[in-house]
Amino acid sequence: MSNSNGRIYINTSTDPDTGISIKDIQTVLVDGSPDVGNLCKSSSINKWAKYKPVRHSNIGTVSDAERVAVNQGLSITKYETLASLTTGWENDYVYLQPRGRTNNEWFRMMDFNEYIHSAKCPVSRFTCVNEGAMVYEGVDLIARLYLDPTAPAGSILLSDLSPDSVPLTQYYWGVIIQNGSTYRIVTQSTPVGTTSASHQELTLTLPSSYFTTGNNYIVYPVFSYNPITTITTGGDYRAGLFSVPNTTPSYFHVYPITLVVSVGITDFSMFVGAGRYTWSITAAMQVNMNTTTTAEILYRIYDGAYDPETGTIGGSVVASGTFYYGQIAQAPNQTVETISGTIMGATPNYLTAVLSYQNNDYLPVTISSEDF
C-alpha cells in the first residue's frame, strides 16, 4: 500500500520500492473507478494539491518545472486592463484536468506521486467590507489579504504559480476599485514575498477620499507586476495583472453619515395665543451602529408647508437653533427630547419643523393652524 492519511506516494522504505496502484488512488479520492483516465479526471481531486494530473504532452514523469509551465494545472489569465480583470476573474484558478491522448495530454498515474488530499489554497481569504455591512461617508476602509504559507506540505504555494514566467510572490498585492464604468487601482509598495508566520496578513488602507457618498463600489483583489502606490484611474498594464485565488470581490454602497444617526419627529404641535403662538417638537433619536455617539441635532421652523413632491418648504425660517446636544442611544434604544418656543406675531396657516445633523435634513413635518 502506497497511501496514508490522504497522501499518495511511492514507498521507498520497502525493497524494492512499492509503487502507486489504482487501489491507492481509489482509496484517497474515494472514487471506485478502475480506469486510470477516469481517476485522472475525477471530480474528487483537490485542485490545490501540487502533485496531481495536469495537461501535458510528456508521456513519462512530469517535472516540477513542467508543472510550473502549466500553472500547476490551473487556469490563470494575464490581464492588461482593469476592466478585463473585473469581468474575467471568475474563470481563473479552474482545475484543467488532462483530456487524454487525442489532445496529446496523457493520463499518468505517476502524476499522483506525493498527492495530498488535504491540500489548501495559499490564500485563505480577502476582506474589505463584510457582507451586509454599511459603509458611511468619511470612513477609511482597510482591505486585508490573508495568506497561509503553512498549508500541508504538497499544497500549491504562491511561489509555485508563475504565470508569465514570474512567481506571484514577486507581484504587488492591491485592489481594483470599480464605480460604474470607472476603474482605479492601488497596490502595496513591496511585493507579496514569503513568510514563515502561521498566517500572513497583508493590509492596504483605502482612504475615505477614494469614495463618494451615494455611490456603489466593487473592490477586487489583484496581483500587479508593477507597484502602483498612488491610486490610478484606467491605464494599460501590459506588464501583467492577475486575479487572486480563493477570493471574491467586496460590494458596498457609501451612505451619508446622517443614516448612522436616525432622527424622527414624533410630535409637532402649535398653541395659538393673542398675538403669538407657541410650538413644541418631540423627536426620537438612535444610532444605527454598534456604539453610542455624541451628536448635535439642529432645528428649523418655517411659516410655510412642506411639499413632498418637490422636496421644498414654503415660507421663511421663524425659529432655529440646537434641538439636542449629547449622547444618543444605540438602536433599538432611543433618546427622546422635547423643546418648545414662542413666536410673537400673527399665526401662520402652516408651520413646518425640520431637524438636521451635519447639514443633512431629516423628513420635515407640517401642521396646519386650522387644526388648533
Protein backbone atom coordinates (compact mmCIF):
# COMPACT_ATOMS: atom_id res chain seq x y z
CA MET A 1 0.00 0.00 0.00
CA SER A 2 1.35 3.43 -1.00
CA ASN A 3 -1.20 5.74 0.59
CA SER A 4 -1.60 7.04 4.11
CA ASN A 5 -3.65 9.84 5.70
CA GLY A 6 -4.75 11.17 2.34
CA ARG A 7 -1.28 11.02 0.79
CA ILE A 8 -0.37 9.02 -2.31
CA TYR A 9 3.33 8.23 -2.66
CA ILE A 10 5.98 5.75 -3.76
CA ASN A 11 7.02 3.86 -0.66
CA THR A 12 10.84 3.82 -0.61
CA SER A 13 11.01 2.08 2.77
CA THR A 14 10.43 -1.28 1.11
CA ASP A 15 12.83 -3.28 -1.03
CA PRO A 16 12.06 -2.94 -3.80
CA ASP A 17 10.10 0.33 -3.65
CA THR A 18 6.34 -0.06 -3.58
CA GLY A 19 4.78 1.84 -6.46
CA ILE A 20 1.42 3.55 -6.74
CA SER A 21 -1.55 1.37 -7.57
CA ILE A 22 -5.04 2.13 -8.83
CA LYS A 23 -6.25 0.98 -5.41
CA ASP A 24 -4.15 3.70 -3.71
CA ILE A 25 -5.73 6.38 -5.88
CA GLN A 26 -9.22 4.97 -5.38
CA THR A 27 -8.75 4.90 -1.61
CA VAL A 28 -7.55 8.50 -1.27
CA LEU A 29 -10.01 10.00 -3.76
CA VAL A 30 -12.87 7.78 -2.57
CA ASP A 31 -13.53 7.08 -6.23
CA GLY A 32 -14.17 3.49 -7.22
CA SER A 33 -13.43 3.81 -10.94
CA PRO A 34 -10.95 1.15 -12.12
CA ASP A 35 -9.93 3.27 -15.11
CA VAL A 36 -6.75 5.41 -14.88
CA GLY A 37 -8.20 8.00 -17.24
CA ASN A 38 -11.34 8.43 -15.17
CA LEU A 39 -9.28 8.70 -11.98
CA CYS A 40 -7.11 11.39 -13.59
CA LYS A 41 -10.33 13.29 -14.35
CA SER A 42 -12.01 12.59 -11.02
CA SER A 43 -14.05 15.43 -9.55
CA SER A 44 -12.67 14.40 -6.14
CA ILE A 45 -9.16 15.66 -6.91
CA ASN A 46 -8.12 18.59 -4.73
CA LYS A 47 -7.01 21.27 -7.20
CA TRP A 48 -4.76 22.88 -4.58
CA ALA A 49 -2.59 19.77 -4.43
CA LYS A 50 0.70 20.45 -6.18
CA TYR A 51 1.09 16.86 -7.38
CA LYS A 52 -1.96 15.86 -9.38
CA PRO A 53 -2.75 15.06 -13.03
CA VAL A 54 -2.08 18.03 -15.33
CA ARG A 55 -2.40 18.69 -19.04
CA HIS A 56 0.98 17.90 -20.61
CA SER A 57 2.33 16.10 -23.64
CA ASN A 58 5.05 14.34 -21.61
CA ILE A 59 4.23 10.65 -21.65
CA GLY A 60 6.59 9.98 -18.75
CA THR A 61 7.08 11.72 -15.41
CA VAL A 62 6.17 15.40 -15.40
CA SER A 63 8.86 17.54 -13.75
CA ASP A 64 8.25 20.39 -11.30
CA ALA A 65 9.34 22.86 -13.99
CA GLU A 66 6.80 21.39 -16.40
CA ARG A 67 4.10 21.71 -13.75
CA VAL A 68 5.02 25.38 -13.28
CA ALA A 69 4.81 25.87 -17.05
CA VAL A 70 1.17 24.77 -17.00
CA ASN A 71 0.34 26.78 -13.85
CA GLN A 72 0.07 23.65 -11.70
CA GLY A 73 -2.89 22.60 -13.81
CA LEU A 74 -4.88 25.77 -13.09
CA SER A 75 -6.30 28.33 -15.50
CA ILE A 76 -4.67 31.71 -14.86
CA THR A 77 -5.31 34.70 -17.11
CA LYS A 78 -2.96 37.62 -17.65
CA TYR A 79 -4.96 40.84 -17.76
CA GLU A 80 -3.73 44.08 -19.29
CA THR A 81 -6.63 46.36 -18.34
CA LEU A 82 -8.50 46.88 -15.09
CA ALA A 83 -11.91 46.28 -16.65
CA SER A 84 -10.90 42.95 -18.19
CA LEU A 85 -9.91 41.53 -14.80
CA THR A 86 -13.25 42.51 -13.26
CA THR A 87 -15.11 40.55 -15.93
CA GLY A 88 -12.79 37.53 -16.14
CA TRP A 89 -11.69 36.65 -12.61
CA GLU A 90 -14.42 34.03 -12.07
CA ASN A 91 -12.87 31.83 -14.76
CA ASP A 92 -9.44 31.84 -13.11
CA TYR A 93 -7.94 29.05 -11.00
CA VAL A 94 -10.22 26.43 -12.50
CA TYR A 95 -8.62 22.97 -12.49
CA LEU A 96 -7.81 21.91 -16.05
CA GLN A 97 -7.68 18.11 -15.91
CA PRO A 98 -5.98 16.15 -18.70
CA ARG A 99 -8.26 15.29 -21.60
CA GLY A 100 -6.39 12.26 -22.90
CA ARG A 101 -4.35 11.08 -25.80
CA THR A 102 -6.42 12.74 -28.54
CA ASN A 103 -5.42 16.11 -27.09
CA ASN A 104 -1.82 14.98 -26.54
CA GLU A 105 -2.50 15.17 -22.80
CA TRP A 106 -1.63 11.81 -21.31
CA PHE A 107 -3.21 10.15 -18.30
CA ARG A 108 -0.28 9.36 -15.98
CA MET A 109 -0.64 7.51 -12.70
CA MET A 110 2.68 8.97 -11.56
CA ASP A 111 1.12 12.45 -11.58
CA PHE A 112 -0.38 11.37 -8.24
CA ASN A 113 3.01 10.74 -6.62
CA GLU A 114 3.01 12.91 -3.43
CA TYR A 115 -0.61 13.95 -3.95
CA ILE A 116 -2.04 15.41 -0.71
CA HIS A 117 -5.81 15.29 -0.42
CA SER A 118 -5.87 17.85 2.44
CA ALA A 119 -4.00 20.50 0.41
CA LYS A 120 -5.05 24.12 0.88
CA CYS A 121 -5.05 27.25 -1.25
CA PRO A 122 -2.13 29.59 -0.40
CA VAL A 123 -4.68 32.41 0.07
CA SER A 124 -7.07 32.00 2.98
CA ARG A 125 -9.41 34.91 2.28
CA PHE A 126 -9.86 38.54 1.28
CA THR A 127 -11.85 41.06 3.31
CA CYS A 128 -12.72 44.70 2.80
CA VAL A 129 -16.34 45.22 3.82
CA ASN A 130 -18.28 42.40 5.46
CA GLU A 131 -21.37 41.29 3.57
CA GLY A 132 -24.36 43.32 4.65
CA ALA A 133 -22.26 45.92 6.47
CA MET A 134 -22.98 49.59 5.82
CA VAL A 135 -20.20 51.96 4.79
CA TYR A 136 -20.59 55.61 5.74
CA GLU A 137 -19.02 58.75 4.35
CA GLY A 138 -15.77 59.83 5.95
CA VAL A 139 -14.79 56.30 6.99
CA ASP A 140 -11.49 54.80 5.82
CA LEU A 141 -11.59 51.14 4.77
CA ILE A 142 -8.89 48.52 5.28
CA ALA A 143 -8.52 45.77 2.69
CA ARG A 144 -6.90 42.61 4.02
CA LEU A 145 -5.47 39.56 2.28
CA TYR A 146 -4.69 36.54 4.43
CA LEU A 147 -2.07 34.05 3.24
CA ASP A 148 -1.48 30.60 4.72
CA PRO A 149 2.13 29.59 3.99
CA THR A 150 1.89 26.69 6.49
CA ALA A 151 -0.66 24.76 4.44
CA PRO A 152 0.13 21.00 4.38
CA ALA A 153 3.28 20.04 2.51
CA GLY A 154 2.33 19.27 -1.06
CA SER A 155 -0.07 22.22 -1.29
CA ILE A 156 0.41 24.78 -4.05
CA LEU A 157 2.23 27.88 -2.80
CA LEU A 158 2.14 31.31 -4.43
CA SER A 159 5.79 30.73 -5.32
CA ASP A 160 4.68 27.65 -7.29
CA LEU A 161 2.47 29.78 -9.53
CA SER A 162 4.46 31.65 -12.18
CA PRO A 163 2.10 32.94 -14.84
CA ASP A 164 4.05 34.88 -17.44
CA SER A 165 7.22 33.26 -16.00
CA VAL A 166 7.21 35.38 -12.80
CA PRO A 167 6.23 33.85 -9.41
CA LEU A 168 3.22 35.53 -7.83
CA THR A 169 5.35 36.16 -4.74
CA GLN A 170 7.18 38.80 -6.79
CA TYR A 171 3.97 40.65 -7.62
CA TYR A 172 2.43 43.52 -5.65
CA TRP A 173 -0.90 42.94 -3.97
CA GLY A 174 -3.55 45.61 -4.26
CA VAL A 175 -7.13 46.30 -5.23
CA ILE A 176 -9.14 47.48 -8.21
CA ILE A 177 -11.98 49.81 -7.21
CA GLN A 178 -14.91 49.86 -9.63
CA ASN A 179 -17.59 52.54 -9.64
CA GLY A 180 -19.79 52.06 -12.68
CA SER A 181 -17.53 52.31 -15.73
CA THR A 182 -14.67 53.89 -13.76
CA TYR A 183 -11.84 51.61 -12.64
CA ARG A 184 -8.97 52.58 -10.33
CA ILE A 185 -6.07 50.61 -8.89
CA VAL A 186 -3.71 50.93 -5.94
CA THR A 187 -1.19 48.43 -4.52
CA GLN A 188 1.25 47.94 -1.70
CA SER A 189 4.78 49.28 -2.16
CA THR A 190 6.50 45.93 -1.55
CA PRO A 191 5.99 42.57 -3.27
CA VAL A 192 3.99 39.78 -1.65
CA GLY A 193 7.12 37.76 -0.80
CA THR A 194 7.14 34.79 1.55
CA THR A 195 6.86 34.42 5.29
CA SER A 196 7.36 31.81 7.99
CA ALA A 197 4.47 33.10 10.10
CA SER A 198 1.48 30.83 10.57
CA HIS A 199 -0.68 33.38 8.78
CA GLN A 200 0.44 36.42 6.86
CA GLU A 201 -1.92 39.37 6.81
CA LEU A 202 -1.41 41.93 4.05
CA THR A 203 -3.23 45.21 4.64
CA LEU A 204 -3.99 48.21 2.46
CA THR A 205 -5.74 51.33 3.73
CA LEU A 206 -8.34 52.80 1.39
CA PRO A 207 -8.94 56.42 2.49
CA SER A 208 -12.49 57.75 2.52
CA SER A 209 -11.38 60.22 -0.18
CA TYR A 210 -11.43 57.28 -2.63
CA PHE A 211 -15.21 57.07 -2.29
CA THR A 212 -18.15 59.40 -2.92
CA THR A 213 -21.31 59.37 -0.83
CA GLY A 214 -24.27 57.82 -2.61
CA ASN A 215 -22.21 55.65 -4.99
CA ASN A 216 -21.91 51.88 -5.35
CA TYR A 217 -18.47 50.25 -5.35
CA ILE A 218 -16.89 46.87 -6.01
CA VAL A 219 -13.38 46.16 -4.71
CA TYR A 220 -11.40 43.35 -6.40
CA PRO A 221 -8.13 41.95 -5.01
CA VAL A 222 -5.35 41.90 -7.61
CA PHE A 223 -1.69 41.00 -8.14
CA SER A 224 0.16 43.61 -10.19
CA TYR A 225 3.58 43.17 -11.78
CA ASN A 226 4.35 46.83 -11.03
CA PRO A 227 3.74 48.71 -7.77
CA ILE A 228 1.04 51.40 -8.02
CA THR A 229 1.18 53.25 -4.72
CA THR A 230 -0.83 56.27 -5.88
CA ILE A 231 -4.38 55.43 -6.87
CA THR A 232 -4.60 55.45 -10.66
CA THR A 233 -7.58 55.55 -12.98
CA GLY A 234 -7.66 53.28 -16.02
CA GLY A 235 -4.41 52.62 -17.85
CA ASP A 236 -2.62 49.91 -19.80
CA TYR A 237 -0.99 47.16 -17.75
CA ARG A 238 0.87 45.07 -20.31
CA ALA A 239 3.36 44.00 -17.65
CA GLY A 240 0.53 41.99 -16.14
CA LEU A 241 -2.36 41.88 -13.71
CA PHE A 242 -3.61 38.64 -12.17
CA SER A 243 -6.63 37.84 -10.04
CA VAL A 244 -6.15 36.45 -6.54
CA PRO A 245 -7.21 32.83 -5.87
CA ASN A 246 -9.88 31.85 -3.37
CA THR A 247 -11.28 35.37 -3.09
CA THR A 248 -14.41 37.25 -4.08
CA PRO A 249 -14.92 41.00 -4.57
CA SER A 250 -16.41 43.22 -1.89
CA TYR A 251 -19.63 45.09 -2.77
CA PHE A 252 -20.90 48.12 -0.88
CA HIS A 253 -22.72 51.44 -1.03
CA VAL A 254 -21.46 54.59 0.68
CA TYR A 255 -24.19 56.13 2.82
CA PRO A 256 -24.36 59.66 4.20
CA ILE A 257 -23.44 59.95 7.87
CA THR A 258 -26.99 61.01 8.72
CA LEU A 259 -28.06 57.42 8.25
CA VAL A 260 -25.88 56.49 11.21
CA VAL A 261 -27.98 58.73 13.43
CA SER A 262 -31.71 58.24 12.85
CA VAL A 263 -33.95 61.11 13.93
CA GLY A 264 -37.71 61.26 13.60
CA ILE A 265 -40.21 63.85 14.78
CA THR A 266 -42.84 62.03 16.83
CA ASP A 267 -44.91 65.06 17.78
CA PHE A 268 -45.13 68.64 16.46
CA SER A 269 -47.79 70.95 17.84
CA MET A 270 -48.79 74.62 17.90
CA PHE A 271 -50.71 76.55 20.55
CA VAL A 272 -52.30 79.81 19.45
CA GLY A 273 -52.46 82.84 21.77
CA ALA A 274 -53.18 86.55 21.48
CA GLY A 275 -50.62 87.96 19.05
CA ARG A 276 -48.36 84.98 19.44
CA TYR A 277 -48.13 81.22 19.04
CA THR A 278 -46.15 78.52 20.81
CA TRP A 279 -44.67 75.49 19.12
CA SER A 280 -43.39 72.20 20.55
CA ILE A 281 -41.26 69.46 18.93
CA THR A 282 -40.70 65.95 20.27
CA ALA A 283 -38.29 63.63 18.46
CA ALA A 284 -36.76 60.17 18.95
CA MET A 285 -33.09 59.59 18.08
CA GLN A 286 -30.94 56.47 17.83
CA VAL A 287 -27.56 55.34 16.49
CA ASN A 288 -27.72 52.53 13.92
CA MET A 289 -24.24 51.18 14.67
CA ASN A 290 -22.66 49.08 17.39
CA THR A 291 -21.88 52.09 19.53
CA THR A 292 -23.33 55.23 21.04
CA THR A 293 -22.33 58.66 19.80
CA THR A 294 -22.42 62.28 20.85
CA ALA A 295 -24.17 64.46 18.31
CA GLU A 296 -25.69 67.90 17.84
CA ILE A 297 -29.13 67.93 16.23
CA LEU A 298 -30.33 71.30 14.92
CA TYR A 299 -33.86 72.50 14.24
CA ARG A 300 -35.51 74.99 11.88
CA ILE A 301 -39.15 76.12 11.86
CA TYR A 302 -40.76 77.63 8.77
CA ASP A 303 -44.03 79.55 8.49
CA GLY A 304 -44.97 77.53 5.41
CA ALA A 305 -45.81 73.99 4.26
CA TYR A 306 -43.59 71.14 3.06
CA ASP A 307 -44.28 69.82 -0.46
CA PRO A 308 -43.17 66.16 -0.62
CA GLU A 309 -43.35 66.10 -4.43
CA THR A 310 -40.82 68.87 -4.91
CA GLY A 311 -38.99 68.46 -1.61
CA THR A 312 -39.31 72.19 -0.90
CA ILE A 313 -40.63 74.16 2.08
CA GLY A 314 -42.59 77.36 1.65
CA GLY A 315 -42.31 80.45 3.83
CA SER A 316 -39.36 81.68 5.86
CA VAL A 317 -37.42 80.44 8.87
CA VAL A 318 -39.05 81.86 12.00
CA ALA A 319 -37.02 79.94 14.58
CA SER A 320 -33.83 77.87 14.62
CA GLY A 321 -31.17 76.58 16.96
CA THR A 322 -29.92 73.44 18.74
CA PHE A 323 -32.60 70.82 19.31
CA TYR A 324 -30.33 68.39 21.18
CA TYR A 325 -26.66 68.02 22.05
CA GLY A 326 -25.37 64.96 23.84
CA GLN A 327 -25.06 61.21 23.69
CA ILE A 328 -27.57 59.32 21.56
CA ALA A 329 -28.63 55.77 22.45
CA GLN A 330 -27.74 52.74 20.38
CA ALA A 331 -30.61 51.07 18.50
CA PRO A 332 -33.03 49.59 19.40
CA ASN A 333 -32.93 52.02 22.33
CA GLN A 334 -33.87 55.65 21.73
CA THR A 335 -33.09 59.07 23.09
CA VAL A 336 -36.21 61.26 23.27
CA GLU A 337 -36.14 65.04 23.51
CA THR A 338 -38.80 67.79 23.57
CA ILE A 339 -38.25 71.51 23.11
CA SER A 340 -40.66 74.43 22.67
CA GLY A 341 -40.66 78.14 21.95
CA THR A 342 -42.91 81.14 21.49
CA ILE A 343 -43.04 83.40 18.45
CA MET A 344 -44.61 86.85 18.58
CA GLY A 345 -46.79 87.68 15.60
CA ALA A 346 -49.78 86.53 13.62
CA THR A 347 -50.42 82.82 13.45
CA PRO A 348 -49.36 81.37 10.03
CA ASN A 349 -51.57 78.99 8.10
CA TYR A 350 -48.87 76.31 8.22
CA LEU A 351 -45.86 75.58 10.38
CA THR A 352 -43.09 73.15 9.32
CA ALA A 353 -40.36 71.68 11.54
CA VAL A 354 -37.08 70.25 10.21
CA LEU A 355 -34.33 68.51 12.19
CA SER A 356 -30.83 68.16 10.76
CA TYR A 357 -27.47 66.57 11.52
CA GLN A 358 -24.18 67.57 9.90
CA ASN A 359 -26.01 69.71 7.30
CA ASN A 360 -28.31 66.87 6.27
CA ASP A 361 -32.06 67.25 6.84
CA TYR A 362 -34.42 64.59 8.10
CA LEU A 363 -38.03 64.36 6.95
CA PRO A 364 -39.92 67.64 7.64
CA VAL A 365 -43.29 67.65 9.41
CA THR A 366 -46.02 70.23 8.63
CA ILE A 367 -49.03 71.16 10.77
CA SER A 368 -51.94 73.48 9.97
CA SER A 369 -53.29 76.27 12.18
CA GLU A 370 -56.79 75.08 11.26
CA ASP A 371 -56.19 72.06 13.47
CA PHE A 372 -55.91 74.23 16.57
